[in-house]
Amino acid sequence: MVAIPSVGLAHVKGDLRLPDGSTGGSHRVSHPALSHRHAHPHRRAHHKTNSPHPGGGSAKPVAPLPANVSQPLRVIYQEFEAAGGQSSFPSIYRGVIEIDGSRVGVMIHGNGGDFNTLVSDMSKLGLQANAEDATTQTISGLLPIRALGQAANDPLTRSVTPIFLPQLQMR
C-alpha cells in the first residue's frame, strides 16, 4: 500500500475519495479526532444554529443575512436577535462599530442603478442618513438592526458594511 499525503487532508475535510475518485474500499478510522464522522452515518454537513437563548434548544434559530452583508454586521444582528431585540444588547463590537440602541451605523453601497430610488428605499426602512454620495453610490447612517436583511435584499444594493468608530491609540 502506498501512502498518499493528500488523502489524510481530504479525509479530515470529510471527502473520503482518493485522488483517482475511488473510495479505496473498506474504511476504518483509528484516529480519535476523526471518529466523530462515524457517529453520524449521514454525509450531510452539520449546520450551526444560533439559539436566541443560551442553552435553549427549543428557541427559534436566527435567520441568516444575505451574503452581501459584512461579517461584523452579521454578528451584531445575531447578538441583537439573541437578546430578544432589546436595544441594550451586549455586542463584541460595541466601541468598535457605531451602535445606537437598536440601530447600527452602516454604509449602503449601490449597484449603479437609480441612486434616488435607493435613498428612498433605505429611508422607508428607517435609515437615518447622515451622508449621501451619488457619485460613489454610497449612503451612510443609522439603520434599524432588524432592517439589515431588507436593506441587503433591495435590488439596488450591492453591499452593506459597518461604520467603524475612530480609535485613539496612545504611544
C-alpha atoms as a PDB file:
ATOM      1  CA  MET A   1       0.000   0.000   0.000  1.00  0.00           C
ATOM      2  CA  VAL A   2       1.310   3.475  -0.910  1.00  0.00           C
ATOM      3  CA  ALA A   3       0.690   6.409   1.419  1.00  0.00           C
ATOM      4  CA  ILE A   4      -0.756   9.434  -0.338  1.00  0.00           C
ATOM      5  CA  PRO A   5      -0.282  12.624   1.726  1.00  0.00           C
ATOM      6  CA  SER A   6      -3.371  14.369   0.332  1.00  0.00           C
ATOM      7  CA  VAL A   7      -5.660  11.527   1.440  1.00  0.00           C
ATOM      8  CA  GLY A   8      -5.285  12.472   5.124  1.00  0.00           C
ATOM      9  CA  LEU A   9      -6.240  16.068   4.408  1.00  0.00           C
ATOM     10  CA  ALA A  10      -9.155  15.013   2.224  1.00  0.00           C
ATOM     11  CA  HIS A  11     -10.348  12.685   4.987  1.00  0.00           C
ATOM     12  CA  VAL A  12     -10.244  15.399   7.654  1.00  0.00           C
ATOM     13  CA  LYS A  13     -12.403  17.588   5.430  1.00  0.00           C
ATOM     14  CA  GLY A  14     -14.900  14.735   5.086  1.00  0.00           C
ATOM     15  CA  ASP A  15     -14.089  13.725   1.494  1.00  0.00           C
ATOM     16  CA  LEU A  16     -13.418  10.004   1.636  1.00  0.00           C
ATOM     17  CA  ARG A  17     -12.406   9.656  -2.035  1.00  0.00           C
ATOM     18  CA  LEU A  18      -8.859   9.005  -3.203  1.00  0.00           C
ATOM     19  CA  PRO A  19      -7.298  11.339  -5.794  1.00  0.00           C
ATOM     20  CA  ASP A  20      -8.407   8.928  -8.577  1.00  0.00           C
ATOM     21  CA  GLY A  21     -12.047   9.339  -7.454  1.00  0.00           C
ATOM     22  CA  SER A  22     -12.393   5.890  -5.837  1.00  0.00           C
ATOM     23  CA  THR A  23     -13.289   5.352  -2.208  1.00  0.00           C
ATOM     24  CA  GLY A  24     -10.486   2.846  -1.619  1.00  0.00           C
ATOM     25  CA  GLY A  25     -12.737   0.021  -0.417  1.00  0.00           C
ATOM     26  CA  SER A  26     -13.427  -0.517   3.279  1.00  0.00           C
ATOM     27  CA  HIS A  27     -12.550   2.339   5.561  1.00  0.00           C
ATOM     28  CA  ARG A  28     -11.712   2.327   9.265  1.00  0.00           C
ATOM     29  CA  VAL A  29     -10.876   5.297  11.408  1.00  0.00           C
ATOM     30  CA  SER A  30      -8.482   4.847  14.285  1.00  0.00           C
ATOM     31  CA  HIS A  31      -7.659   8.493  14.987  1.00  0.00           C
ATOM     32  CA  PRO A  32      -9.874   9.764  17.863  1.00  0.00           C
ATOM     33  CA  ALA A  33     -10.340  13.215  16.313  1.00  0.00           C
ATOM     34  CA  LEU A  34     -11.712  11.605  13.155  1.00  0.00           C
ATOM     35  CA  SER A  35     -14.028   9.095  14.836  1.00  0.00           C
ATOM     36  CA  HIS A  36     -16.830  11.692  15.168  1.00  0.00           C
ATOM     37  CA  ARG A  37     -17.533  11.102  11.483  1.00  0.00           C
ATOM     38  CA  HIS A  38     -18.657   7.538  12.179  1.00  0.00           C
ATOM     39  CA  ALA A  39     -21.024   8.542  14.948  1.00  0.00           C
ATOM     40  CA  HIS A  40     -23.179  10.218  12.273  1.00  0.00           C
ATOM     41  CA  PRO A  41     -23.920   7.877   9.361  1.00  0.00           C
ATOM     42  CA  HIS A  42     -25.306  10.597   7.068  1.00  0.00           C
ATOM     43  CA  ARG A  43     -22.958  12.515   4.777  1.00  0.00           C
ATOM     44  CA  ARG A  44     -24.617  15.930   5.065  1.00  0.00           C
ATOM     45  CA  ALA A  45     -22.715  18.794   6.655  1.00  0.00           C
ATOM     46  CA  HIS A  46     -23.755  19.864  10.127  1.00  0.00           C
ATOM     47  CA  HIS A  47     -25.158  23.379  10.289  1.00  0.00           C
ATOM     48  CA  LYS A  48     -24.846  25.537  13.365  1.00  0.00           C
ATOM     49  CA  THR A  49     -27.978  27.212  14.628  1.00  0.00           C
ATOM     50  CA  ASN A  50     -27.780  30.198  16.844  1.00  0.00           C
ATOM     51  CA  SER A  51     -30.201  29.868  19.695  1.00  0.00           C
ATOM     52  CA  PRO A  52     -31.536  33.198  20.955  1.00  0.00           C
ATOM     53  CA  HIS A  53     -31.383  31.808  24.499  1.00  0.00           C
ATOM     54  CA  PRO A  54     -28.164  30.274  25.825  1.00  0.00           C
ATOM     55  CA  GLY A  55     -28.663  26.578  26.431  1.00  0.00           C
ATOM     56  CA  GLY A  56     -32.141  26.637  24.919  1.00  0.00           C
ATOM     57  CA  GLY A  57     -32.587  24.266  22.018  1.00  0.00           C
ATOM     58  CA  SER A  58     -36.309  24.938  21.635  1.00  0.00           C
ATOM     59  CA  ALA A  59     -35.970  28.608  20.653  1.00  0.00           C
ATOM     60  CA  LYS A  60     -36.263  29.715  17.041  1.00  0.00           C
ATOM     61  CA  PRO A  61     -32.860  29.942  15.248  1.00  0.00           C
ATOM     62  CA  VAL A  62     -31.762  33.323  13.887  1.00  0.00           C
ATOM     63  CA  ALA A  63     -32.276  33.595  10.124  1.00  0.00           C
ATOM     64  CA  PRO A  64     -29.040  34.289   8.269  1.00  0.00           C
ATOM     65  CA  LEU A  65     -28.487  37.598   6.496  1.00  0.00           C
ATOM     66  CA  PRO A  66     -27.756  37.751   2.757  1.00  0.00           C
ATOM     67  CA  ALA A  67     -24.161  37.292   1.595  1.00  0.00           C
ATOM     68  CA  ASN A  68     -23.767  40.984   0.726  1.00  0.00           C
ATOM     69  CA  VAL A  69     -23.877  41.944   4.436  1.00  0.00           C
ATOM     70  CA  SER A  70     -20.419  42.159   6.028  1.00  0.00           C
ATOM     71  CA  GLN A  71     -19.466  39.640   8.711  1.00  0.00           C
ATOM     72  CA  PRO A  72     -19.329  42.150  11.617  1.00  0.00           C
ATOM     73  CA  LEU A  73     -22.909  43.242  10.837  1.00  0.00           C
ATOM     74  CA  ARG A  74     -23.969  39.587  10.744  1.00  0.00           C
ATOM     75  CA  VAL A  75     -22.544  39.134  14.247  1.00  0.00           C
ATOM     76  CA  ILE A  76     -24.299  42.271  15.539  1.00  0.00           C
ATOM     77  CA  TYR A  77     -27.576  41.064  14.025  1.00  0.00           C
ATOM     78  CA  GLN A  78     -27.218  37.657  15.718  1.00  0.00           C
ATOM     79  CA  GLU A  79     -26.329  39.271  19.063  1.00  0.00           C
ATOM     80  CA  PHE A  80     -29.333  41.602  18.783  1.00  0.00           C
ATOM     81  CA  GLU A  81     -31.727  38.762  17.954  1.00  0.00           C
ATOM     82  CA  ALA A  82     -30.238  36.548  20.690  1.00  0.00           C
ATOM     83  CA  ALA A  83     -31.004  39.308  23.204  1.00  0.00           C
ATOM     84  CA  GLY A  84     -34.631  39.344  22.088  1.00  0.00           C
ATOM     85  CA  GLY A  85     -34.323  42.550  20.064  1.00  0.00           C
ATOM     86  CA  GLN A  86     -33.548  44.650  23.130  1.00  0.00           C
ATOM     87  CA  SER A  87     -31.811  47.972  22.453  1.00  0.00           C
ATOM     88  CA  SER A  88     -29.343  47.337  25.307  1.00  0.00           C
ATOM     89  CA  PHE A  89     -27.983  44.079  23.880  1.00  0.00           C
ATOM     90  CA  PRO A  90     -24.350  43.096  24.521  1.00  0.00           C
ATOM     91  CA  SER A  91     -22.052  43.105  21.494  1.00  0.00           C
ATOM     92  CA  ILE A  92     -18.394  42.338  20.938  1.00  0.00           C
ATOM     93  CA  TYR A  93     -18.415  45.280  18.507  1.00  0.00           C
ATOM     94  CA  ARG A  94     -19.556  47.976  20.980  1.00  0.00           C
ATOM     95  CA  GLY A  95     -16.986  50.739  20.882  1.00  0.00           C
ATOM     96  CA  VAL A  96     -15.704  49.488  17.516  1.00  0.00           C
ATOM     97  CA  ILE A  97     -18.775  49.846  15.263  1.00  0.00           C
ATOM     98  CA  GLU A  98     -21.382  52.549  15.716  1.00  0.00           C
ATOM     99  CA  ILE A  99     -24.313  51.043  17.651  1.00  0.00           C
ATOM    100  CA  ASP A 100     -27.066  53.296  18.983  1.00  0.00           C
ATOM    101  CA  GLY A 101     -29.793  51.351  20.776  1.00  0.00           C
ATOM    102  CA  SER A 102     -31.413  49.110  18.178  1.00  0.00           C
ATOM    103  CA  ARG A 103     -29.693  50.878  15.266  1.00  0.00           C
ATOM    104  CA  VAL A 104     -26.303  50.239  13.729  1.00  0.00           C
ATOM    105  CA  GLY A 105     -24.081  52.501  11.641  1.00  0.00           C
ATOM    106  CA  VAL A 106     -23.975  51.263   8.048  1.00  0.00           C
ATOM    107  CA  MET A 107     -22.793  52.240   4.626  1.00  0.00           C
ATOM    108  CA  ILE A 108     -25.158  51.104   1.899  1.00  0.00           C
ATOM    109  CA  HIS A 109     -23.306  50.694  -1.399  1.00  0.00           C
ATOM    110  CA  GLY A 110     -25.475  50.959  -4.516  1.00  0.00           C
ATOM    111  CA  ASN A 111     -25.035  48.773  -7.572  1.00  0.00           C
ATOM    112  CA  GLY A 112     -25.183  51.565 -10.164  1.00  0.00           C
ATOM    113  CA  GLY A 113     -28.975  51.776 -10.510  1.00  0.00           C
ATOM    114  CA  ASP A 114     -31.161  54.789  -9.732  1.00  0.00           C
ATOM    115  CA  PHE A 115     -29.498  56.319  -6.671  1.00  0.00           C
ATOM    116  CA  ASN A 116     -32.526  58.431  -5.677  1.00  0.00           C
ATOM    117  CA  THR A 117     -34.668  55.279  -5.565  1.00  0.00           C
ATOM    118  CA  LEU A 118     -32.034  53.571  -3.385  1.00  0.00           C
ATOM    119  CA  VAL A 119     -32.061  56.552  -0.986  1.00  0.00           C
ATOM    120  CA  SER A 120     -35.870  56.432  -0.875  1.00  0.00           C
ATOM    121  CA  ASP A 121     -35.900  52.653  -0.297  1.00  0.00           C
ATOM    122  CA  MET A 122     -33.440  52.926   2.596  1.00  0.00           C
ATOM    123  CA  SER A 123     -35.372  55.828   4.110  1.00  0.00           C
ATOM    124  CA  LYS A 124     -38.530  53.675   4.087  1.00  0.00           C
ATOM    125  CA  LEU A 125     -36.615  51.005   6.043  1.00  0.00           C
ATOM    126  CA  GLY A 126     -35.833  53.584   8.737  1.00  0.00           C
ATOM    127  CA  LEU A 127     -32.297  54.603   7.712  1.00  0.00           C
ATOM    128  CA  GLN A 128     -31.365  57.914   9.340  1.00  0.00           C
ATOM    129  CA  ALA A 129     -28.949  59.037   6.645  1.00  0.00           C
ATOM    130  CA  ASN A 130     -26.135  61.390   7.596  1.00  0.00           C
ATOM    131  CA  ALA A 131     -24.343  61.373   4.220  1.00  0.00           C
ATOM    132  CA  GLU A 132     -25.191  60.522   0.622  1.00  0.00           C
ATOM    133  CA  ASP A 133     -22.881  60.437  -2.394  1.00  0.00           C
ATOM    134  CA  ALA A 134     -24.486  59.762  -5.792  1.00  0.00           C
ATOM    135  CA  THR A 135     -21.054  59.567  -7.482  1.00  0.00           C
ATOM    136  CA  THR A 136     -19.902  56.619  -5.355  1.00  0.00           C
ATOM    137  CA  GLN A 137     -23.479  55.333  -4.830  1.00  0.00           C
ATOM    138  CA  THR A 138     -22.975  55.342  -1.052  1.00  0.00           C
ATOM    139  CA  ILE A 139     -25.389  56.222   1.754  1.00  0.00           C
ATOM    140  CA  SER A 140     -24.249  56.208   5.379  1.00  0.00           C
ATOM    141  CA  GLY A 141     -26.308  56.454   8.536  1.00  0.00           C
ATOM    142  CA  LEU A 142     -28.053  54.541  11.299  1.00  0.00           C
ATOM    143  CA  LEU A 143     -30.247  51.636  10.200  1.00  0.00           C
ATOM    144  CA  PRO A 144     -32.541  49.586  12.446  1.00  0.00           C
ATOM    145  CA  ILE A 145     -30.728  46.288  13.017  1.00  0.00           C
ATOM    146  CA  ARG A 146     -33.868  44.340  12.114  1.00  0.00           C
ATOM    147  CA  ALA A 147     -33.853  46.024   8.655  1.00  0.00           C
ATOM    148  CA  LEU A 148     -30.366  44.766   7.688  1.00  0.00           C
ATOM    149  CA  GLY A 149     -31.770  41.870   5.650  1.00  0.00           C
ATOM    150  CA  GLN A 150     -34.282  44.045   3.820  1.00  0.00           C
ATOM    151  CA  ALA A 151     -31.617  46.651   3.022  1.00  0.00           C
ATOM    152  CA  ALA A 152     -29.294  43.968   1.667  1.00  0.00           C
ATOM    153  CA  ASN A 153     -32.052  42.354  -0.407  1.00  0.00           C
ATOM    154  CA  ASP A 154     -33.014  45.636  -2.101  1.00  0.00           C
ATOM    155  CA  PRO A 155     -32.371  45.190  -5.846  1.00  0.00           C
ATOM    156  CA  LEU A 156     -30.335  48.423  -5.889  1.00  0.00           C
ATOM    157  CA  THR A 157     -27.996  47.374  -3.025  1.00  0.00           C
ATOM    158  CA  ARG A 158     -24.557  45.978  -3.848  1.00  0.00           C
ATOM    159  CA  SER A 159     -23.367  45.604  -0.232  1.00  0.00           C
ATOM    160  CA  VAL A 160     -23.898  46.708   3.372  1.00  0.00           C
ATOM    161  CA  THR A 161     -20.846  47.450   5.527  1.00  0.00           C
ATOM    162  CA  PRO A 162     -20.456  48.874   9.055  1.00  0.00           C
ATOM    163  CA  ILE A 163     -19.370  52.326  10.109  1.00  0.00           C
ATOM    164  CA  PHE A 164     -16.350  51.854  12.348  1.00  0.00           C
ATOM    165  CA  LEU A 165     -15.779  54.305  15.184  1.00  0.00           C
ATOM    166  CA  PRO A 166     -12.482  56.172  15.289  1.00  0.00           C
ATOM    167  CA  GLN A 167      -9.920  54.546  17.576  1.00  0.00           C
ATOM    168  CA  LEU A 168      -7.411  56.534  19.627  1.00  0.00           C
ATOM    169  CA  GLN A 169      -4.062  54.843  20.066  1.00  0.00           C
ATOM    170  CA  MET A 170      -1.593  56.018  22.674  1.00  0.00           C
ATOM    171  CA  ARG A 171       2.125  55.612  22.018  1.00  0.00           C
END
